N, C-alpha and C. Protein backbone atom coordinates (compact mmCIF):
# COMPACT_ATOMS: atom_id res chain seq x y z
N MET A 1 -90.35 -58.22 -39.98
CA MET A 1 -89.79 -56.97 -40.44
C MET A 1 -88.43 -56.78 -39.81
N THR A 2 -87.47 -56.36 -40.56
CA THR A 2 -86.12 -56.16 -40.08
C THR A 2 -86.03 -54.82 -39.38
N THR A 3 -85.43 -54.80 -38.20
CA THR A 3 -85.25 -53.55 -37.47
C THR A 3 -83.83 -53.08 -37.69
N THR A 4 -83.69 -51.86 -38.16
CA THR A 4 -82.39 -51.27 -38.41
C THR A 4 -82.11 -50.27 -37.32
N THR A 5 -80.84 -50.14 -36.94
CA THR A 5 -80.52 -49.24 -35.86
C THR A 5 -79.72 -48.05 -36.35
N ALA A 6 -79.90 -46.93 -35.66
CA ALA A 6 -79.13 -45.72 -35.91
C ALA A 6 -78.40 -45.37 -34.64
N LYS A 7 -77.13 -45.06 -34.72
CA LYS A 7 -76.36 -44.71 -33.55
C LYS A 7 -76.66 -43.27 -33.16
N SER A 8 -76.94 -43.09 -31.88
CA SER A 8 -77.25 -41.77 -31.37
C SER A 8 -76.61 -41.61 -30.01
N SER A 9 -75.55 -40.83 -29.94
CA SER A 9 -74.82 -40.56 -28.70
C SER A 9 -74.56 -41.83 -27.89
N ASN A 10 -73.82 -42.75 -28.50
CA ASN A 10 -73.38 -44.00 -27.89
C ASN A 10 -74.51 -44.96 -27.54
N ARG A 11 -75.66 -44.82 -28.11
CA ARG A 11 -76.71 -45.80 -27.92
C ARG A 11 -77.38 -46.04 -29.26
N GLU A 12 -77.90 -47.23 -29.42
CA GLU A 12 -78.54 -47.57 -30.67
C GLU A 12 -80.04 -47.55 -30.49
N GLN A 13 -80.73 -46.93 -31.45
CA GLN A 13 -82.18 -46.89 -31.43
C GLN A 13 -82.68 -47.35 -32.78
N PRO A 14 -83.70 -48.18 -32.80
CA PRO A 14 -84.25 -48.60 -34.08
C PRO A 14 -84.83 -47.40 -34.81
N LEU A 15 -84.59 -47.33 -36.11
CA LEU A 15 -85.15 -46.26 -36.92
C LEU A 15 -86.66 -46.23 -36.82
N ASN A 16 -87.28 -47.40 -36.84
CA ASN A 16 -88.74 -47.42 -36.82
C ASN A 16 -89.31 -47.01 -35.47
N ALA A 17 -88.51 -47.00 -34.40
CA ALA A 17 -88.98 -46.54 -33.09
C ALA A 17 -89.08 -45.01 -33.08
N GLN A 18 -88.29 -44.34 -33.90
CA GLN A 18 -88.30 -42.89 -33.96
C GLN A 18 -89.26 -42.36 -35.02
N ALA A 19 -89.77 -43.23 -35.85
CA ALA A 19 -90.55 -42.82 -37.01
C ALA A 19 -91.78 -42.00 -36.66
N GLY A 20 -92.44 -42.28 -35.55
CA GLY A 20 -93.65 -41.55 -35.22
C GLY A 20 -93.41 -40.34 -34.34
N LYS A 21 -92.20 -40.17 -33.85
CA LYS A 21 -91.92 -39.07 -32.93
C LYS A 21 -91.80 -37.75 -33.66
N ILE A 22 -92.40 -36.73 -33.07
CA ILE A 22 -92.26 -35.38 -33.60
C ILE A 22 -91.05 -34.76 -32.91
N PRO A 23 -90.12 -34.19 -33.67
CA PRO A 23 -88.93 -33.58 -33.05
C PRO A 23 -89.32 -32.45 -32.11
N LEU A 24 -88.56 -32.29 -31.04
CA LEU A 24 -88.84 -31.21 -30.10
C LEU A 24 -88.39 -29.86 -30.64
N ASN A 25 -87.33 -29.88 -31.45
CA ASN A 25 -86.80 -28.62 -31.97
C ASN A 25 -85.98 -28.88 -33.24
N PHE A 26 -85.52 -27.80 -33.84
CA PHE A 26 -84.76 -27.87 -35.09
C PHE A 26 -83.50 -28.71 -34.91
N GLU A 27 -82.79 -28.47 -33.84
CA GLU A 27 -81.52 -29.16 -33.63
C GLU A 27 -81.71 -30.67 -33.52
N GLN A 28 -82.74 -31.10 -32.81
CA GLN A 28 -83.03 -32.52 -32.69
C GLN A 28 -83.37 -33.12 -34.05
N ALA A 29 -84.21 -32.42 -34.81
CA ALA A 29 -84.61 -32.91 -36.13
C ALA A 29 -83.40 -32.99 -37.06
N TYR A 30 -82.56 -31.96 -37.04
CA TYR A 30 -81.40 -31.90 -37.92
C TYR A 30 -80.40 -33.02 -37.58
N THR A 31 -80.20 -33.24 -36.29
CA THR A 31 -79.28 -34.31 -35.86
C THR A 31 -79.77 -35.68 -36.31
N GLU A 32 -81.06 -35.92 -36.14
CA GLU A 32 -81.62 -37.21 -36.57
C GLU A 32 -81.54 -37.35 -38.08
N LEU A 33 -81.80 -36.26 -38.80
CA LEU A 33 -81.71 -36.29 -40.26
C LEU A 33 -80.29 -36.61 -40.71
N GLU A 34 -79.30 -36.01 -40.07
CA GLU A 34 -77.90 -36.32 -40.38
C GLU A 34 -77.60 -37.80 -40.14
N GLN A 35 -78.11 -38.35 -39.05
CA GLN A 35 -77.89 -39.76 -38.73
C GLN A 35 -78.50 -40.67 -39.80
N ILE A 36 -79.68 -40.31 -40.25
CA ILE A 36 -80.34 -41.11 -41.28
C ILE A 36 -79.55 -41.07 -42.58
N VAL A 37 -79.12 -39.89 -42.97
CA VAL A 37 -78.34 -39.74 -44.21
C VAL A 37 -77.04 -40.54 -44.11
N THR A 38 -76.36 -40.42 -42.99
CA THR A 38 -75.10 -41.16 -42.79
C THR A 38 -75.33 -42.66 -42.87
N GLN A 39 -76.39 -43.12 -42.22
CA GLN A 39 -76.68 -44.55 -42.23
C GLN A 39 -77.03 -45.03 -43.64
N MET A 40 -77.83 -44.25 -44.35
CA MET A 40 -78.22 -44.66 -45.70
C MET A 40 -77.02 -44.66 -46.64
N GLU A 41 -76.07 -43.76 -46.42
CA GLU A 41 -74.90 -43.70 -47.28
C GLU A 41 -73.87 -44.78 -46.95
N SER A 42 -73.82 -45.21 -45.69
CA SER A 42 -72.74 -46.10 -45.28
C SER A 42 -73.11 -47.58 -45.23
N THR A 43 -74.39 -47.91 -45.32
CA THR A 43 -74.79 -49.32 -45.25
C THR A 43 -75.78 -49.66 -46.35
N GLN A 44 -75.90 -50.92 -46.58
CA GLN A 44 -76.93 -51.39 -47.49
C GLN A 44 -78.09 -51.86 -46.63
N LEU A 45 -79.14 -51.05 -46.62
CA LEU A 45 -80.32 -51.38 -45.83
C LEU A 45 -81.27 -52.21 -46.66
N PRO A 46 -82.04 -53.05 -46.01
CA PRO A 46 -83.10 -53.76 -46.74
C PRO A 46 -84.09 -52.72 -47.29
N LEU A 47 -84.82 -53.11 -48.32
CA LEU A 47 -85.73 -52.19 -48.99
C LEU A 47 -86.72 -51.54 -48.03
N ASP A 48 -87.34 -52.32 -47.16
CA ASP A 48 -88.33 -51.74 -46.25
C ASP A 48 -87.71 -50.75 -45.28
N ALA A 49 -86.49 -51.03 -44.82
CA ALA A 49 -85.79 -50.11 -43.93
C ALA A 49 -85.37 -48.84 -44.68
N THR A 50 -84.96 -49.00 -45.92
CA THR A 50 -84.59 -47.85 -46.74
C THR A 50 -85.79 -46.93 -46.97
N LEU A 51 -86.93 -47.52 -47.28
CA LEU A 51 -88.14 -46.72 -47.49
C LEU A 51 -88.57 -46.01 -46.20
N ALA A 52 -88.50 -46.71 -45.08
CA ALA A 52 -88.86 -46.10 -43.79
C ALA A 52 -87.91 -44.96 -43.45
N ALA A 53 -86.62 -45.18 -43.69
CA ALA A 53 -85.63 -44.13 -43.42
C ALA A 53 -85.85 -42.93 -44.33
N TYR A 54 -86.16 -43.18 -45.59
CA TYR A 54 -86.41 -42.10 -46.53
C TYR A 54 -87.64 -41.29 -46.11
N GLN A 55 -88.70 -41.98 -45.73
CA GLN A 55 -89.92 -41.29 -45.31
C GLN A 55 -89.67 -40.46 -44.05
N ARG A 56 -88.96 -41.04 -43.09
CA ARG A 56 -88.65 -40.30 -41.86
C ARG A 56 -87.78 -39.09 -42.18
N GLY A 57 -86.79 -39.29 -43.03
CA GLY A 57 -85.91 -38.19 -43.42
C GLY A 57 -86.66 -37.08 -44.13
N ASN A 58 -87.60 -37.45 -44.97
CA ASN A 58 -88.40 -36.46 -45.68
C ASN A 58 -89.24 -35.64 -44.69
N GLY A 59 -89.83 -36.31 -43.72
CA GLY A 59 -90.60 -35.61 -42.69
C GLY A 59 -89.73 -34.68 -41.87
N LEU A 60 -88.53 -35.13 -41.52
CA LEU A 60 -87.60 -34.30 -40.76
C LEU A 60 -87.15 -33.09 -41.58
N LEU A 61 -86.91 -33.31 -42.87
CA LEU A 61 -86.51 -32.21 -43.74
C LEU A 61 -87.61 -31.15 -43.79
N GLN A 62 -88.84 -31.57 -43.93
CA GLN A 62 -89.96 -30.62 -43.95
C GLN A 62 -90.06 -29.87 -42.63
N PHE A 63 -89.87 -30.58 -41.52
CA PHE A 63 -89.89 -29.93 -40.20
C PHE A 63 -88.80 -28.87 -40.11
N CYS A 64 -87.59 -29.21 -40.57
CA CYS A 64 -86.46 -28.26 -40.53
C CYS A 64 -86.74 -27.05 -41.40
N GLN A 65 -87.26 -27.27 -42.60
CA GLN A 65 -87.57 -26.15 -43.50
C GLN A 65 -88.61 -25.24 -42.88
N GLN A 66 -89.65 -25.80 -42.28
CA GLN A 66 -90.70 -25.00 -41.64
C GLN A 66 -90.14 -24.24 -40.44
N SER A 67 -89.25 -24.86 -39.69
CA SER A 67 -88.64 -24.20 -38.54
C SER A 67 -87.79 -23.02 -38.98
N LEU A 68 -87.02 -23.21 -40.04
CA LEU A 68 -86.20 -22.12 -40.55
C LEU A 68 -87.05 -20.98 -41.09
N LEU A 69 -88.13 -21.30 -41.77
CA LEU A 69 -89.03 -20.27 -42.27
C LEU A 69 -89.65 -19.48 -41.12
N ALA A 70 -90.08 -20.18 -40.08
CA ALA A 70 -90.66 -19.50 -38.93
C ALA A 70 -89.63 -18.60 -38.25
N ALA A 71 -88.39 -19.08 -38.13
CA ALA A 71 -87.33 -18.28 -37.52
C ALA A 71 -87.05 -17.04 -38.36
N GLU A 72 -87.01 -17.20 -39.67
CA GLU A 72 -86.77 -16.07 -40.56
C GLU A 72 -87.85 -15.01 -40.39
N GLN A 73 -89.08 -15.45 -40.23
CA GLN A 73 -90.18 -14.51 -40.08
C GLN A 73 -90.14 -13.79 -38.74
N GLN A 74 -89.44 -14.35 -37.77
CA GLN A 74 -89.36 -13.74 -36.46
C GLN A 74 -88.11 -12.90 -36.24
N VAL A 75 -87.23 -12.87 -37.22
CA VAL A 75 -85.99 -12.11 -37.08
C VAL A 75 -86.33 -10.64 -36.89
N GLN A 76 -85.66 -10.05 -35.94
CA GLN A 76 -85.86 -8.64 -35.69
C GLN A 76 -84.55 -7.90 -35.93
N ILE A 77 -84.67 -6.64 -36.34
CA ILE A 77 -83.49 -5.82 -36.60
C ILE A 77 -83.59 -4.52 -35.80
N LEU A 78 -82.47 -3.93 -35.53
CA LEU A 78 -82.45 -2.65 -34.84
C LEU A 78 -82.40 -1.52 -35.86
N ASN A 79 -83.19 -0.48 -35.64
CA ASN A 79 -83.11 0.68 -36.52
C ASN A 79 -82.12 1.68 -35.93
N GLU A 80 -82.05 2.86 -36.50
CA GLU A 80 -81.09 3.86 -36.06
C GLU A 80 -81.30 4.29 -34.61
N ARG A 81 -82.50 4.19 -34.11
CA ARG A 81 -82.80 4.59 -32.73
C ARG A 81 -82.74 3.41 -31.76
N ASN A 82 -82.15 2.31 -32.20
CA ASN A 82 -82.04 1.08 -31.41
C ASN A 82 -83.39 0.52 -30.98
N GLN A 83 -84.38 0.68 -31.84
CA GLN A 83 -85.69 0.10 -31.60
C GLN A 83 -85.78 -1.19 -32.40
N LEU A 84 -86.35 -2.19 -31.78
CA LEU A 84 -86.52 -3.46 -32.48
C LEU A 84 -87.67 -3.37 -33.47
N LEU A 85 -87.42 -3.77 -34.68
CA LEU A 85 -88.42 -3.81 -35.72
C LEU A 85 -88.53 -5.23 -36.23
N HIS A 86 -89.71 -5.63 -36.60
CA HIS A 86 -89.89 -6.95 -37.20
C HIS A 86 -89.29 -6.96 -38.61
N TYR A 87 -88.64 -8.04 -38.92
CA TYR A 87 -88.06 -8.23 -40.24
C TYR A 87 -89.18 -8.39 -41.27
N THR A 88 -89.04 -7.69 -42.38
CA THR A 88 -89.98 -7.91 -43.49
C THR A 88 -89.17 -8.27 -44.72
N SER A 89 -89.59 -9.31 -45.36
CA SER A 89 -88.89 -9.82 -46.54
C SER A 89 -88.98 -8.81 -47.68
N GLN A 90 -87.91 -8.72 -48.46
CA GLN A 90 -87.84 -7.80 -49.58
C GLN A 90 -88.20 -8.48 -50.89
N ASP A 91 -88.90 -9.61 -50.81
CA ASP A 91 -89.25 -10.38 -52.02
C ASP A 91 -90.08 -9.60 -52.98
């Protein structure tokens, strides 16, 4: 199996080494997702590496979407009396 590398802060890590890792936070997931997109756009990866990168990217995208949804649900606003109120969606 061919190992493909992604550059991450001046060090190279194989994409498949990160595939099983759960991101610690939104920023980490988003950064890795950007790296995967950049790599997929700038190089011709072998089919197996492309599929692995796509699957990892899809998982990271779902993690980011869930993180943003959770953050949205936790947003608080101040009312006229400067009391914190939980945000409720107007859907």
